[in-house]
Amino acid sequence: MTAKRAPAGNQSPRSLEPAAWLLFSAGGMTAALLIPILLVLFGVAIPLGWLAAPDHSHLLSVLHYPVTLLVLFGLCVLALFHWAHRFRFVLCHGLGVERAGGVIAVLCYGGAVVGSVVAAYVLLSAW
């Protein structure tokens, strides 16, 4: 059994939808794994005295490692694109505004790109 191919003139343009779903799933996975750990450490364990608080100079020196910058940047970027994809579908399908789907997509993913640039600037300025 062979699949029939569409004639060359009727081919549809490639969609960016698989890339959006890839960023969505990767962002959800990294956010689910890393953010709770960071919240427990810096939001519960250190303030309650369960762990010794690192001084500011030590935390700043950790940012001088390129791997740390890549992990933090990846966490920020993937979490922002996860938010953008989820928010886009909530607006389009949840609230029923499919007619403005293109504008909503540009605003959501554009916001994620702007947030990614801001995250890169903040991380590189600390370096």
PDB file of N, CA and C in Angstrom:
ATOM      1  N   MET A   1       0.842  -1.172   0.000  1.00  0.00           N
ATOM      2  CA  MET A   1       0.000   0.000   0.000  1.00  0.00           C
ATOM      3  C   MET A   1       0.891   1.240   0.000  1.00  0.00           C
ATOM      4  N   THR A   2       0.683   2.089  -0.936  1.00  0.00           N
ATOM      5  CA  THR A   2       1.495   3.299  -1.037  1.00  0.00           C
ATOM      6  C   THR A   2       0.615   4.512  -0.816  1.00  0.00           C
ATOM      7  N   ALA A   3       1.211   5.523  -0.243  1.00  0.00           N
ATOM      8  CA  ALA A   3       0.481   6.768  -0.017  1.00  0.00           C
ATOM      9  C   ALA A   3       0.496   7.593  -1.292  1.00  0.00           C
ATOM     10  N   LYS A   4      -0.626   8.214  -1.573  1.00  0.00           N
ATOM     11  CA  LYS A   4      -0.704   9.066  -2.757  1.00  0.00           C
ATOM     12  C   LYS A   4      -0.140  10.433  -2.419  1.00  0.00           C
ATOM     13  N   ARG A   5       0.620  10.952  -3.327  1.00  0.00           N
ATOM     14  CA  ARG A   5       1.214  12.267  -3.141  1.00  0.00           C
ATOM     15  C   ARG A   5       0.363  13.309  -3.843  1.00  0.00           C
ATOM     16  N   ALA A   6       0.326  14.477  -3.242  1.00  0.00           N
ATOM     17  CA  ALA A   6      -0.385  15.588  -3.868  1.00  0.00           C
ATOM     18  C   ALA A   6       0.443  16.100  -5.033  1.00  0.00           C
ATOM     19  N   PRO A   7      -0.199  16.603  -6.064  1.00  0.00           N
ATOM     20  CA  PRO A   7       0.554  17.191  -7.174  1.00  0.00           C
ATOM     21  C   PRO A   7       1.443  18.326  -6.678  1.00  0.00           C
ATOM     22  N   ALA A   8       2.512  18.571  -7.402  1.00  0.00           N
ATOM     23  CA  ALA A   8       3.511  19.558  -6.973  1.00  0.00           C
ATOM     24  C   ALA A   8       2.917  20.942  -6.768  1.00  0.00           C
ATOM     25  N   GLY A   9       1.933  21.316  -7.543  1.00  0.00           N
ATOM     26  CA  GLY A   9       1.349  22.650  -7.420  1.00  0.00           C
ATOM     27  C   GLY A   9       0.404  22.792  -6.248  1.00  0.00           C
ATOM     28  N   ASN A  10      -0.050  21.686  -5.659  1.00  0.00           N
ATOM     29  CA  ASN A  10      -1.032  21.738  -4.579  1.00  0.00           C
ATOM     30  C   ASN A  10      -0.429  21.446  -3.211  1.00  0.00           C
ATOM     31  N   GLN A  11       0.859  21.532  -3.075  1.00  0.00           N
ATOM     32  CA  GLN A  11       1.473  21.238  -1.788  1.00  0.00           C
ATOM     33  C   GLN A  11       1.199  22.376  -0.818  1.00  0.00           C
ATOM     34  N   SER A  12       0.870  21.993   0.401  1.00  0.00           N
ATOM     35  CA  SER A  12       0.617  23.012   1.413  1.00  0.00           C
ATOM     36  C   SER A  12       1.942  23.452   2.027  1.00  0.00           C
ATOM     37  N   PRO A  13       2.021  24.702   2.473  1.00  0.00           N
ATOM     38  CA  PRO A  13       3.265  25.170   3.091  1.00  0.00           C
ATOM     39  C   PRO A  13       3.479  24.459   4.427  1.00  0.00           C
ATOM     40  N   ARG A  14       4.719  24.341   4.817  1.00  0.00           N
ATOM     41  CA  ARG A  14       5.030  23.688   6.090  1.00  0.00           C
ATOM     42  C   ARG A  14       4.519  24.547   7.240  1.00  0.00           C
ATOM     43  N   SER A  15       4.050  23.878   8.254  1.00  0.00           N
ATOM     44  CA  SER A  15       3.497  24.544   9.422  1.00  0.00           C
ATOM     45  C   SER A  15       4.556  24.651  10.518  1.00  0.00           C
ATOM     46  N   LEU A  16       4.450  25.693  11.319  1.00  0.00           N
ATOM     47  CA  LEU A  16       5.326  25.846  12.480  1.00  0.00           C
ATOM     48  C   LEU A  16       4.721  25.192  13.720  1.00  0.00           C
ATOM     49  N   GLU A  17       3.561  24.581  13.552  1.00  0.00           N
ATOM     50  CA  GLU A  17       2.859  23.979  14.683  1.00  0.00           C
ATOM     51  C   GLU A  17       3.671  22.888  15.393  1.00  0.00           C
ATOM     52  N   PRO A  18       4.370  21.987  14.692  1.00  0.00           N
ATOM     53  CA  PRO A  18       5.179  20.994  15.420  1.00  0.00           C
ATOM     54  C   PRO A  18       6.269  21.630  16.286  1.00  0.00           C
ATOM     55  N   ALA A  19       6.876  22.693  15.810  1.00  0.00           N
ATOM     56  CA  ALA A  19       7.901  23.374  16.613  1.00  0.00           C
ATOM     57  C   ALA A  19       7.279  24.001  17.853  1.00  0.00           C
ATOM     58  N   ALA A  20       6.080  24.559  17.708  1.00  0.00           N
ATOM     59  CA  ALA A  20       5.401  25.150  18.859  1.00  0.00           C
ATOM     60  C   ALA A  20       5.059  24.080  19.894  1.00  0.00           C
ATOM     61  N   TRP A  21       4.593  22.929  19.431  1.00  0.00           N
ATOM     62  CA  TRP A  21       4.280  21.841  20.362  1.00  0.00           C
ATOM     63  C   TRP A  21       5.548  21.294  21.010  1.00  0.00           C
ATOM     64  N   LEU A  22       6.660  21.276  20.287  1.00  0.00           N
ATOM     65  CA  LEU A  22       7.927  20.827  20.862  1.00  0.00           C
ATOM     66  C   LEU A  22       8.365  21.761  21.989  1.00  0.00           C
ATOM     67  N   LEU A  23       8.297  23.077  21.746  1.00  0.00           N
ATOM     68  CA  LEU A  23       8.663  24.038  22.784  1.00  0.00           C
ATOM     69  C   LEU A  23       7.709  23.955  23.967  1.00  0.00           C
ATOM     70  N   PHE A  24       6.419  23.713  23.688  1.00  0.00           N
ATOM     71  CA  PHE A  24       5.425  23.580  24.746  1.00  0.00           C
ATOM     72  C   PHE A  24       5.752  22.398  25.650  1.00  0.00           C
ATOM     73  N   SER A  25       6.010  21.255  25.048  1.00  0.00           N
ATOM     74  CA  SER A  25       6.272  20.063  25.861  1.00  0.00           C
ATOM     75  C   SER A  25       7.613  20.161  26.585  1.00  0.00           C
ATOM     76  N   ALA A  26       8.624  20.693  25.926  1.00  0.00           N
ATOM     77  CA  ALA A  26       9.927  20.852  26.584  1.00  0.00           C
ATOM     78  C   ALA A  26       9.838  21.854  27.729  1.00  0.00           C
ATOM     79  N   GLY A  27       9.087  22.929  27.529  1.00  0.00           N
ATOM     80  CA  GLY A  27       8.911  23.916  28.591  1.00  0.00           C
ATOM     81  C   GLY A  27       8.152  23.362  29.776  1.00  0.00           C
ATOM     82  N   GLY A  28       7.128  22.567  29.505  1.00  0.00           N
ATOM     83  CA  GLY A  28       6.384  21.952  30.598  1.00  0.00           C
ATOM     84  C   GLY A  28       7.238  20.983  31.392  1.00  0.00           C
ATOM     85  N   MET A  29       8.056  20.231  30.689  1.00  0.00           N
ATOM     86  CA  MET A  29       8.914  19.248  31.359  1.00  0.00           C
ATOM     87  C   MET A  29       9.982  19.936  32.214  1.00  0.00           C
ATOM     88  N   THR A  30      10.660  20.921  31.664  1.00  0.00           N
ATOM     89  CA  THR A  30      11.706  21.591  32.448  1.00  0.00           C
ATOM     90  C   THR A  30      11.105  22.372  33.612  1.00  0.00           C
ATOM     91  N   ALA A  31       9.962  23.008  33.377  1.00  0.00           N
ATOM     92  CA  ALA A  31       9.318  23.749  34.461  1.00  0.00           C
ATOM     93  C   ALA A  31       8.864  22.802  35.566  1.00  0.00           C
ATOM     94  N   ALA A  32       8.346  21.640  35.191  1.00  0.00           N
ATOM     95  CA  ALA A  32       7.878  20.683  36.192  1.00  0.00           C
ATOM     96  C   ALA A  32       9.030  20.078  36.988  1.00  0.00           C
ATOM     97  N   LEU A  33      10.202  19.974  36.389  1.00  0.00           N
ATOM     98  CA  LEU A  33      11.332  19.363  37.084  1.00  0.00           C
ATOM     99  C   LEU A  33      12.179  20.368  37.862  1.00  0.00           C
ATOM    100  N   LEU A  34      12.423  21.540  37.310  1.00  0.00           N
ATOM    101  CA  LEU A  34      13.377  22.467  37.918  1.00  0.00           C
ATOM    102  C   LEU A  34      12.748  23.511  38.838  1.00  0.00           C
ATOM    103  N   ILE A  35      11.606  24.051  38.472  1.00  0.00           N
ATOM    104  CA  ILE A  35      11.019  25.134  39.269  1.00  0.00           C
ATOM    105  C   ILE A  35      10.641  24.676  40.679  1.00  0.00           C
ATOM    106  N   PRO A  36      10.023  23.497  40.876  1.00  0.00           N
ATOM    107  CA  PRO A  36       9.740  23.084  42.260  1.00  0.00           C
ATOM    108  C   PRO A  36      10.996  22.933  43.120  1.00  0.00           C
ATOM    109  N   ILE A  37      12.074  22.444  42.526  1.00  0.00           N
ATOM    110  CA  ILE A  37      13.323  22.307  43.283  1.00  0.00           C
ATOM    111  C   ILE A  37      13.835  23.678  43.710  1.00  0.00           C
ATOM    112  N   LEU A  38      13.838  24.622  42.776  1.00  0.00           N
ATOM    113  CA  LEU A  38      14.316  25.968  43.100  1.00  0.00           C
ATOM    114  C   LEU A  38      13.419  26.647  44.128  1.00  0.00           C
ATOM    115  N   LEU A  39      12.102  26.436  44.030  1.00  0.00           N
ATOM    116  CA  LEU A  39      11.181  27.027  45.003  1.00  0.00           C
ATOM    117  C   LEU A  39      11.375  26.436  46.398  1.00  0.00           C
ATOM    118  N   VAL A  40      11.563  25.128  46.484  1.00  0.00           N
ATOM    119  CA  VAL A  40      11.781  24.506  47.795  1.00  0.00           C
ATOM    120  C   VAL A  40      13.096  24.994  48.401  1.00  0.00           C
ATOM    121  N   LEU A  41      14.142  25.055  47.583  1.00  0.00           N
ATOM    122  CA  LEU A  41      15.435  25.499  48.106  1.00  0.00           C
ATOM    123  C   LEU A  41      15.408  26.957  48.547  1.00  0.00           C
ATOM    124  N   PHE A  42      15.058  27.852  47.610  1.00  0.00           N
ATOM    125  CA  PHE A  42      15.171  29.284  47.881  1.00  0.00           C
ATOM    126  C   PHE A  42      13.924  29.888  48.516  1.00  0.00           C
ATOM    127  N   GLY A  43      12.813  29.170  48.504  1.00  0.00           N
ATOM    128  CA  GLY A  43      11.587  29.707  49.084  1.00  0.00           C
ATOM    129  C   GLY A  43      11.199  29.093  50.410  1.00  0.00           C
ATOM    130  N   VAL A  44      11.733  27.897  50.719  1.00  0.00           N
ATOM    131  CA  VAL A  44      11.344  27.222  51.958  1.00  0.00           C
ATOM    132  C   VAL A  44      12.571  26.853  52.794  1.00  0.00           C
ATOM    133  N   ALA A  45      13.458  26.040  52.236  1.00  0.00           N
ATOM    134  CA  ALA A  45      14.558  25.468  53.023  1.00  0.00           C
ATOM    135  C   ALA A  45      15.528  26.527  53.543  1.00  0.00           C
ATOM    136  N   ILE A  46      15.930  27.442  52.711  1.00  0.00           N
ATOM    137  CA  ILE A  46      16.884  28.472  53.148  1.00  0.00           C
ATOM    138  C   ILE A  46      16.224  29.488  54.080  1.00  0.00           C
ATOM    139  N   PRO A  47      15.024  30.024  53.767  1.00  0.00           N
ATOM    140  CA  PRO A  47      14.414  30.974  54.707  1.00  0.00           C
ATOM    141  C   PRO A  47      14.085  30.369  56.076  1.00  0.00           C
ATOM    142  N   LEU A  48      13.729  29.074  56.130  1.00  0.00           N
ATOM    143  CA  LEU A  48      13.414  28.447  57.416  1.00  0.00           C
ATOM    144  C   LEU A  48      14.649  27.964  58.163  1.00  0.00           C
ATOM    145  N   GLY A  49      15.821  28.114  57.557  1.00  0.00           N
ATOM    146  CA  GLY A  49      17.060  27.736  58.215  1.00  0.00           C
ATOM    147  C   GLY A  49      17.402  26.264  58.112  1.00  0.00           C
ATOM    148  N   TRP A  50      16.705  25.521  57.269  1.00  0.00           N
ATOM    149  CA  TRP A  50      17.018  24.100  57.089  1.00  0.00           C
ATOM    150  C   TRP A  50      18.358  23.928  56.391  1.00  0.00           C
ATOM    151  N   LEU A  51      18.702  24.880  55.540  1.00  0.00           N
ATOM    152  CA  LEU A  51      19.982  24.884  54.843  1.00  0.00           C
ATOM    153  C   LEU A  51      20.663  26.217  55.098  1.00  0.00           C
ATOM    154  N   ALA A  52      21.982  26.199  55.097  1.00  0.00           N
ATOM    155  CA  ALA A  52      22.726  27.444  55.269  1.00  0.00           C
ATOM    156  C   ALA A  52      22.557  28.310  54.025  1.00  0.00           C
ATOM    157  N   ALA A  53      22.320  29.565  54.252  1.00  0.00           N
ATOM    158  CA  ALA A  53      22.113  30.490  53.136  1.00  0.00           C
ATOM    159  C   ALA A  53      23.446  30.820  52.478  1.00  0.00           C
ATOM    160  N   PRO A  54      23.530  30.656  51.155  1.00  0.00           N
ATOM    161  CA  PRO A  54      24.765  31.055  50.471  1.00  0.00           C
ATOM    162  C   PRO A  54      24.847  32.579  50.403  1.00  0.00           C
ATOM    163  N   ASP A  55      26.053  33.095  50.519  1.00  0.00           N
ATOM    164  CA  ASP A  55      26.178  34.553  50.441  1.00  0.00           C
ATOM    165  C   ASP A  55      26.052  35.013  48.984  1.00  0.00           C
ATOM    166  N   HIS A  56      25.814  36.282  48.835  1.00  0.00           N
ATOM    167  CA  HIS A  56      25.547  36.866  47.521  1.00  0.00           C
ATOM    168  C   HIS A  56      26.719  36.668  46.570  1.00  0.00           C
ATOM    169  N   SER A  57      27.925  36.815  47.056  1.00  0.00           N
ATOM    170  CA  SER A  57      29.092  36.677  46.176  1.00  0.00           C
ATOM    171  C   SER A  57      29.224  35.244  45.653  1.00  0.00           C
ATOM    172  N   HIS A  58      28.843  34.263  46.463  1.00  0.00           N
ATOM    173  CA  HIS A  58      28.900  32.874  45.996  1.00  0.00           C
ATOM    174  C   HIS A  58      27.867  32.629  44.900  1.00  0.00           C
ATOM    175  N   LEU A  59      26.649  33.117  45.101  1.00  0.00           N
ATOM    176  CA  LEU A  59      25.614  32.944  44.073  1.00  0.00           C
ATOM    177  C   LEU A  59      26.002  33.654  42.786  1.00  0.00           C
ATOM    178  N   LEU A  60      26.610  34.822  42.909  1.00  0.00           N
ATOM    179  CA  LEU A  60      27.043  35.550  41.721  1.00  0.00           C
ATOM    180  C   LEU A  60      28.195  34.830  41.025  1.00  0.00           C
ATOM    181  N   SER A  61      29.071  34.200  41.796  1.00  0.00           N
ATOM    182  CA  SER A  61      30.179  33.472  41.169  1.00  0.00           C
ATOM    183  C   SER A  61      29.691  32.225  40.433  1.00  0.00           C
ATOM    184  N   VAL A  62      28.575  31.643  40.859  1.00  0.00           N
ATOM    185  CA  VAL A  62      28.013  30.485  40.156  1.00  0.00           C
ATOM    186  C   VAL A  62      27.561  30.887  38.756  1.00  0.00           C
ATOM    187  N   LEU A  63      27.134  32.125  38.586  1.00  0.00           N
ATOM    188  CA  LEU A  63      26.691  32.601  37.272  1.00  0.00           C
ATOM    189  C   LEU A  63      27.837  32.773  36.281  1.00  0.00           C
ATOM    190  N   HIS A  64      29.060  32.671  36.746  1.00  0.00           N
ATOM    191  CA  HIS A  64      30.196  32.802  35.830  1.00  0.00           C
ATOM    192  C   HIS A  64      30.496  31.512  35.076  1.00  0.00           C
ATOM    193  N   TYR A  65      29.810  30.434  35.412  1.00  0.00           N
ATOM    194  CA  TYR A  65      29.961  29.179  34.680  1.00  0.00           C
ATOM    195  C   TYR A  65      28.993  29.170  33.504  1.00  0.00           C
ATOM    196  N   PRO A  66      29.478  28.918  32.302  1.00  0.00           N
ATOM    197  CA  PRO A  66      28.598  28.923  31.127  1.00  0.00           C
ATOM    198  C   PRO A  66      27.469  27.897  31.205  1.00  0.00           C
ATOM    199  N   VAL A  67      27.711  26.768  31.844  1.00  0.00           N
ATOM    200  CA  VAL A  67      26.658  25.749  31.949  1.00  0.00           C
ATOM    201  C   VAL A  67      25.497  26.272  32.792  1.00  0.00           C
ATOM    202  N   THR A  68      25.811  26.989  33.866  1.00  0.00           N
ATOM    203  CA  THR A  68      24.756  27.570  34.698  1.00  0.00           C
ATOM    204  C   THR A  68      23.936  28.570  33.904  1.00  0.00           C
ATOM    205  N   LEU A  69      24.611  29.404  33.125  1.00  0.00           N
ATOM    206  CA  LEU A  69      23.888  30.368  32.291  1.00  0.00           C
ATOM    207  C   LEU A  69      23.000  29.666  31.278  1.00  0.00           C
ATOM    208  N   LEU A  70      23.501  28.614  30.663  1.00  0.00           N
ATOM    209  CA  LEU A  70      22.702  27.877  29.679  1.00  0.00           C
ATOM    210  C   LEU A  70      21.486  27.222  30.317  1.00  0.00           C
ATOM    211  N   VAL A  71      21.654  26.649  31.500  1.00  0.00           N
ATOM    212  CA  VAL A  71      20.525  26.002  32.175  1.00  0.00           C
ATOM    213  C   VAL A  71      19.475  27.033  32.562  1.00  0.00           C
ATOM    214  N   LEU A  72      19.890  28.141  33.145  1.00  0.00           N
ATOM    215  CA  LEU A  72      18.931  29.177  33.534  1.00  0.00           C
ATOM    216  C   LEU A  72      18.261  29.807  32.320  1.00  0.00           C
ATOM    217  N   PHE A  73      19.028  30.051  31.267  1.00  0.00           N
ATOM    218  CA  PHE A  73      18.445  30.608  30.050  1.00  0.00           C
ATOM    219  C   PHE A  73      17.471  29.619  29.419  1.00  0.00           C
ATOM    220  N   GLY A  74      17.858  28.354  29.369  1.00  0.00           N
ATOM    221  CA  GLY A  74      16.957  27.336  28.827  1.00  0.00           C
ATOM    222  C   GLY A  74      15.681  27.223  29.625  1.00  0.00           C
ATOM    223  N   LEU A  75      15.793  27.291  30.946  1.00  0.00           N
ATOM    224  CA  LEU A  75      14.601  27.245  31.793  1.00  0.00           C
ATOM    225  C   LEU A  75      13.684  28.424  31.511  1.00  0.00           C
ATOM    226  N   CYS A  76      14.255  29.615  31.410  1.00  0.00           N
ATOM    227  CA  CYS A  76      13.444  30.811  31.134  1.00  0.00           C
ATOM    228  C   CYS A  76      12.781  30.730  29.766  1.00  0.00           C
ATOM    229  N   VAL A  77      13.546  30.400  28.746  1.00  0.00           N
ATOM    230  CA  VAL A  77      13.016  30.368  27.378  1.00  0.00           C
ATOM    231  C   VAL A  77      11.937  29.307  27.238  1.00  0.00           C
ATOM    232  N   LEU A  78      12.220  28.104  27.702  1.00  0.00           N
ATOM    233  CA  LEU A  78      11.246  27.030  27.540  1.00  0.00           C
ATOM    234  C   LEU A  78       9.986  27.278  28.358  1.00  0.00           C
ATOM    235  N   ALA A  79      10.127  27.825  29.562  1.00  0.00           N
ATOM    236  CA  ALA A  79       8.937  28.139  30.360  1.00  0.00           C
ATOM    237  C   ALA A  79       8.111  29.241  29.696  1.00  0.00           C
ATOM    238  N   LEU A  80       8.759  30.226  29.099  1.00  0.00           N
ATOM    239  CA  LEU A  80       8.023  31.291  28.409  1.00  0.00           C
ATOM    240  C   LEU A  80       7.283  30.765  27.186  1.00  0.00           C
ATOM    241  N   PHE A  81       7.908  29.896  26.410  1.00  0.00           N
ATOM    242  CA  PHE A  81       7.221  29.339  25.245  1.00  0.00           C
ATOM    243  C   PHE A  81       6.124  28.357  25.655  1.00  0.00           C
ATOM    244  N   HIS A  82       6.297  27.684  26.774  1.00  0.00           N
ATOM    245  CA  HIS A  82       5.228  26.838  27.303  1.00  0.00           C
ATOM    246  C   HIS A  82       4.020  27.707  27.646  1.00  0.00           C
ATOM    247  N   TRP A  83       4.279  28.819  28.342  1.00  0.00           N
ATOM    248  CA  TRP A  83       3.199  29.740  28.676  1.00  0.00           C
ATOM    249  C   TRP A  83       2.529  30.275  27.414  1.00  0.00           C
ATOM    250  N   ALA A  84       3.320  30.689  26.439  1.00  0.00           N
ATOM    251  CA  ALA A  84       2.769  31.295  25.225  1.00  0.00           C
ATOM    252  C   ALA A  84       1.846  30.325  24.499  1.00  0.00           C
ATOM    253  N   HIS A  85       2.264  29.086  24.370  1.00  0.00           N
ATOM    254  CA  HIS A  85       1.453  28.097  23.655  1.00  0.00           C
ATOM    255  C   HIS A  85       0.176  27.791  24.427  1.00  0.00           C
ATOM    256  N   ARG A  86       0.283  27.627  25.735  1.00  0.00           N
ATOM    257  CA  ARG A  86      -0.898  27.343  26.554  1.00  0.00           C
ATOM    258  C   ARG A  86      -1.865  28.529  26.534  1.00  0.00           C
ATOM    259  N   PHE A  87      -1.348  29.740  26.688  1.00  0.00           N
ATOM    260  CA  PHE A  87      -2.201  30.928  26.719  1.00  0.00           C
ATOM    261  C   PHE A  87      -2.878  31.151  25.374  1.00  0.00           C
ATOM    262  N   ARG A  88      -2.147  30.886  24.300  1.00  0.00           N
ATOM    263  CA  ARG A  88      -2.725  31.019  22.956  1.00  0.00           C
ATOM    264  C   ARG A  88      -3.922  30.093  22.787  1.00  0.00           C
ATOM    265  N   PHE A  89      -3.775  28.851  23.196  1.00  0.00           N
ATOM    266  CA  PHE A  89      -4.876  27.905  23.029  1.00  0.00           C
ATOM    267  C   PHE A  89      -6.013  28.174  23.997  1.00  0.00           C
ATOM    268  N   VAL A  90      -5.726  28.703  25.170  1.00  0.00           N
ATOM    269  CA  VAL A  90      -6.808  29.095  26.081  1.00  0.00           C
ATOM    270  C   VAL A  90      -7.620  30.221  25.460  1.00  0.00           C
ATOM    271  N   LEU A  91      -6.943  31.204  24.892  1.00  0.00           N
ATOM    272  CA  LEU A  91      -7.663  32.321  24.277  1.00  0.00           C
ATOM    273  C   LEU A  91      -8.428  31.885  23.040  1.00  0.00           C
ATOM    274  N   CYS A  92      -7.780  31.118  22.171  1.00  0.00           N
ATOM    275  CA  CYS A  92      -8.419  30.740  20.903  1.00  0.00           C
ATOM    276  C   CYS A  92      -9.541  29.735  21.100  1.00  0.00           C
ATOM    277  N   HIS A  93      -9.280  28.661  21.827  1.00  0.00           N
ATOM    278  CA  HIS A  93     -10.260  27.590  21.940  1.00  0.00           C
ATOM    279  C   HIS A  93     -11.106  27.704  23.200  1.00  0.00           C
ATOM    280  N   GLY A  94     -10.516  28.138  24.286  1.00  0.00           N
ATOM    281  CA  GLY A  94     -11.264  28.249  25.533  1.00  0.00           C
ATOM    282  C   GLY A  94     -12.247  29.398  25.529  1.00  0.00           C
ATOM    283  N   LEU A  95     -11.819  30.533  25.007  1.00  0.00           N
ATOM    284  CA  LEU A  95     -12.692  31.705  24.959  1.00  0.00           C
ATOM    285  C   LEU A  95     -13.372  31.877  23.617  1.00  0.00           C
ATOM    286  N   GLY A  96     -13.006  31.055  22.654  1.00  0.00           N
ATOM    287  CA  GLY A  96     -13.684  31.060  21.360  1.00  0.00           C
ATOM    288  C   GLY A  96     -13.386  32.251  20.473  1.00  0.00           C
ATOM    289  N   VAL A  97     -12.175  32.731  20.478  1.00  0.00           N
ATOM    290  CA  VAL A  97     -11.816  33.855  19.607  1.00  0.00           C
ATOM    291  C   VAL A  97     -10.876  33.371  18.504  1.00  0.00           C
ATOM    292  N   GLU A  98     -11.316  32.328  17.775  1.00  0.00           N
ATOM    293  CA  GLU A  98     -10.485  31.760  16.715  1.00  0.00           C
ATOM    294  C   GLU A  98     -10.240  32.745  15.579  1.00  0.00           C
ATOM    295  N   ARG A  99     -11.150  33.700  15.396  1.00  0.00           N
ATOM    296  CA  ARG A  99     -10.985  34.661  14.289  1.00  0.00           C
ATOM    297  C   ARG A  99      -9.734  35.504  14.453  1.00  0.00           C
ATOM    298  N   ALA A 100      -9.339  35.759  15.673  1.00  0.00           N
ATOM    299  CA  ALA A 100      -8.141  36.566  15.927  1.00  0.00           C
ATOM    300  C   ALA A 100      -6.944  35.678  16.249  1.00  0.00           C
ATOM    301  N   GLY A 101      -6.970  34.432  15.783  1.00  0.00           N
ATOM    302  CA  GLY A 101      -5.918  33.475  16.118  1.00  0.00           C
ATOM    303  C   GLY A 101      -4.534  33.904  15.676  1.00  0.00           C
ATOM    304  N   GLY A 102      -4.436  34.529  14.505  1.00  0.00           N
ATOM    305  CA  GLY A 102      -3.127  34.972  14.021  1.00  0.00           C
ATOM    306  C   GLY A 102      -2.540  36.073  14.877  1.00  0.00           C
ATOM    307  N   VAL A 103      -3.368  37.028  15.250  1.00  0.00           N
ATOM    308  CA  VAL A 103      -2.904  38.138  16.089  1.00  0.00           C
ATOM    309  C   VAL A 103      -2.526  37.623  17.479  1.00  0.00           C
ATOM    310  N   ILE A 104      -3.351  36.722  18.001  1.00  0.00           N
ATOM    311  CA  ILE A 104      -3.062  36.160  19.324  1.00  0.00           C
ATOM    312  C   ILE A 104      -1.752  35.380  19.300  1.00  0.00           C
ATOM    313  N   ALA A 105      -1.525  34.607  18.242  1.00  0.00           N
ATOM    314  CA  ALA A 105      -0.280  33.838  18.129  1.00  0.00           C
ATOM    315  C   ALA A 105       0.929  34.765  18.080  1.00  0.00           C
ATOM    316  N   VAL A 106       0.828  35.828  17.300  1.00  0.00           N
ATOM    317  CA  VAL A 106       1.949  36.773  17.202  1.00  0.00           C
ATOM    318  C   VAL A 106       2.210  37.432  18.554  1.00  0.00           C
ATOM    319  N   LEU A 107       1.152  37.823  19.258  1.00  0.00           N
ATOM    320  CA  LEU A 107       1.333  38.466  20.561  1.00  0.00           C
ATOM    321  C   LEU A 107       1.908  37.497  21.598  1.00  0.00           C
ATOM    322  N   CYS A 108       1.387  36.279  21.632  1.00  0.00           N
ATOM    323  CA  CYS A 108       1.865  35.308  22.628  1.00  0.00           C
ATOM    324  C   CYS A 108       3.310  34.904  22.371  1.00  0.00           C
ATOM    325  N   TYR A 109       3.590  34.464  21.144  1.00  0.00           N
ATOM    326  CA  TYR A 109       4.949  34.022  20.844  1.00  0.00           C
ATOM    327  C   TYR A 109       5.913  35.209  20.783  1.00  0.00           C
ATOM    328  N   GLY A 110       5.430  36.365  20.373  1.00  0.00           N
ATOM    329  CA  GLY A 110       6.261  37.568  20.409  1.00  0.00           C
ATOM    330  C   GLY A 110       6.627  37.944  21.834  1.00  0.00           C
ATOM    331  N   GLY A 111       5.661  37.800  22.744  1.00  0.00           N
ATOM    332  CA  GLY A 111       5.947  38.043  24.158  1.00  0.00           C
ATOM    333  C   GLY A 111       6.987  37.078  24.706  1.00  0.00           C
ATOM    334  N   ALA A 112       6.916  35.822  24.258  1.00  0.00           N
ATOM    335  CA  ALA A 112       7.906  34.833  24.692  1.00  0.00           C
ATOM    336  C   ALA A 112       9.291  35.175  24.147  1.00  0.00           C
ATOM    337  N   VAL A 113       9.354  35.663  22.917  1.00  0.00           N
ATOM    338  CA  VAL A 113      10.645  36.055  22.335  1.00  0.00           C
ATOM    339  C   VAL A 113      11.213  37.258  23.080  1.00  0.00           C
ATOM    340  N   VAL A 114      10.365  38.255  23.357  1.00  0.00           N
ATOM    341  CA  VAL A 114      10.826  39.437  24.095  1.00  0.00           C
ATOM    342  C   VAL A 114      11.298  39.034  25.491  1.00  0.00           C
ATOM    343  N   GLY A 115      10.541  38.172  26.154  1.00  0.00           N
ATOM    344  CA  GLY A 115      10.959  37.688  27.469  1.00  0.00           C
ATOM    345  C   GLY A 115      12.269  36.925  27.418  1.00  0.00           C
ATOM    346  N   SER A 116      12.486  36.183  26.340  1.00  0.00           N
ATOM    347  CA  SER A 116      13.742  35.448  26.176  1.00  0.00           C
ATOM    348  C   SER A 116      14.919  36.398  25.994  1.00  0.00           C
ATOM    349  N   VAL A 117      14.703  37.461  25.235  1.00  0.00           N
ATOM    350  CA  VAL A 117      15.762  38.461  25.042  1.00  0.00           C
ATOM    351  C   VAL A 117      16.073  39.154  26.365  1.00  0.00           C
ATOM    352  N   VAL A 118      15.041  39.480  27.135  1.00  0.00           N
ATOM    353  CA  VAL A 118      15.252  40.103  28.444  1.00  0.00           C
ATOM    354  C   VAL A 118      16.005  39.147  29.373  1.00  0.00           C
ATOM    355  N   ALA A 119      15.637  37.872  29.361  1.00  0.00           N
ATOM    356  CA  ALA A 119      16.341  36.885  30.193  1.00  0.00           C
ATOM    357  C   ALA A 119      17.807  36.788  29.793  1.00  0.00           C
ATOM    358  N   ALA A 120      18.076  36.786  28.489  1.00  0.00           N
ATOM    359  CA  ALA A 120      19.465  36.733  28.025  1.00  0.00           C
ATOM    360  C   ALA A 120      20.232  37.966  28.480  1.00  0.00           C
ATOM    361  N   TYR A 121      19.613  39.132  28.388  1.00  0.00           N
ATOM    362  CA  TYR A 121      20.266  40.371  28.810  1.00  0.00           C
ATOM    363  C   TYR A 121      20.575  40.345  30.308  1.00  0.00           C
ATOM    364  N   VAL A 122      19.605  39.922  31.110  1.00  0.00           N
ATOM    365  CA  VAL A 122      19.808  39.890  32.561  1.00  0.00           C
ATOM    366  C   VAL A 122      20.905  38.897  32.932  1.00  0.00           C
ATOM    367  N   LEU A 123      20.879  37.717  32.323  1.00  0.00           N
ATOM    368  CA  LEU A 123      21.891  36.710  32.649  1.00  0.00           C
ATOM    369  C   LEU A 123      23.281  37.129  32.177  1.00  0.00           C
ATOM    370  N   LEU A 124      23.360  37.718  30.991  1.00  0.00           N
ATOM    371  CA  LEU A 124      24.669  38.133  30.488  1.00  0.00           C
ATOM    372  C   LEU A 124      25.203  39.358  31.218  1.00  0.00           C
ATOM    373  N   SER A 125      24.315  40.219  31.715  1.00  0.00           N
ATOM    374  CA  SER A 125      24.795  41.378  32.472  1.00  0.00           C
ATOM    375  C   SER A 125      25.345  40.952  33.831  1.00  0.00           C
ATOM    376  N   ALA A 126      24.862  39.827  34.364  1.00  0.00           N
ATOM    377  CA  ALA A 126      25.410  39.316  35.623  1.00  0.00           C
ATOM    378  C   ALA A 126      26.731  38.603  35.403  1.00  0.00           C
ATOM    379  N   TRP A 127      27.010  38.228  34.162  1.00  0.00           N
ATOM    380  CA  TRP A 127      28.227  37.492  33.843  1.00  0.00           C
ATOM    381  C   TRP A 127      29.347  38.466  33.729  1.00  0.00           C
TER     382      TRP A 127
END
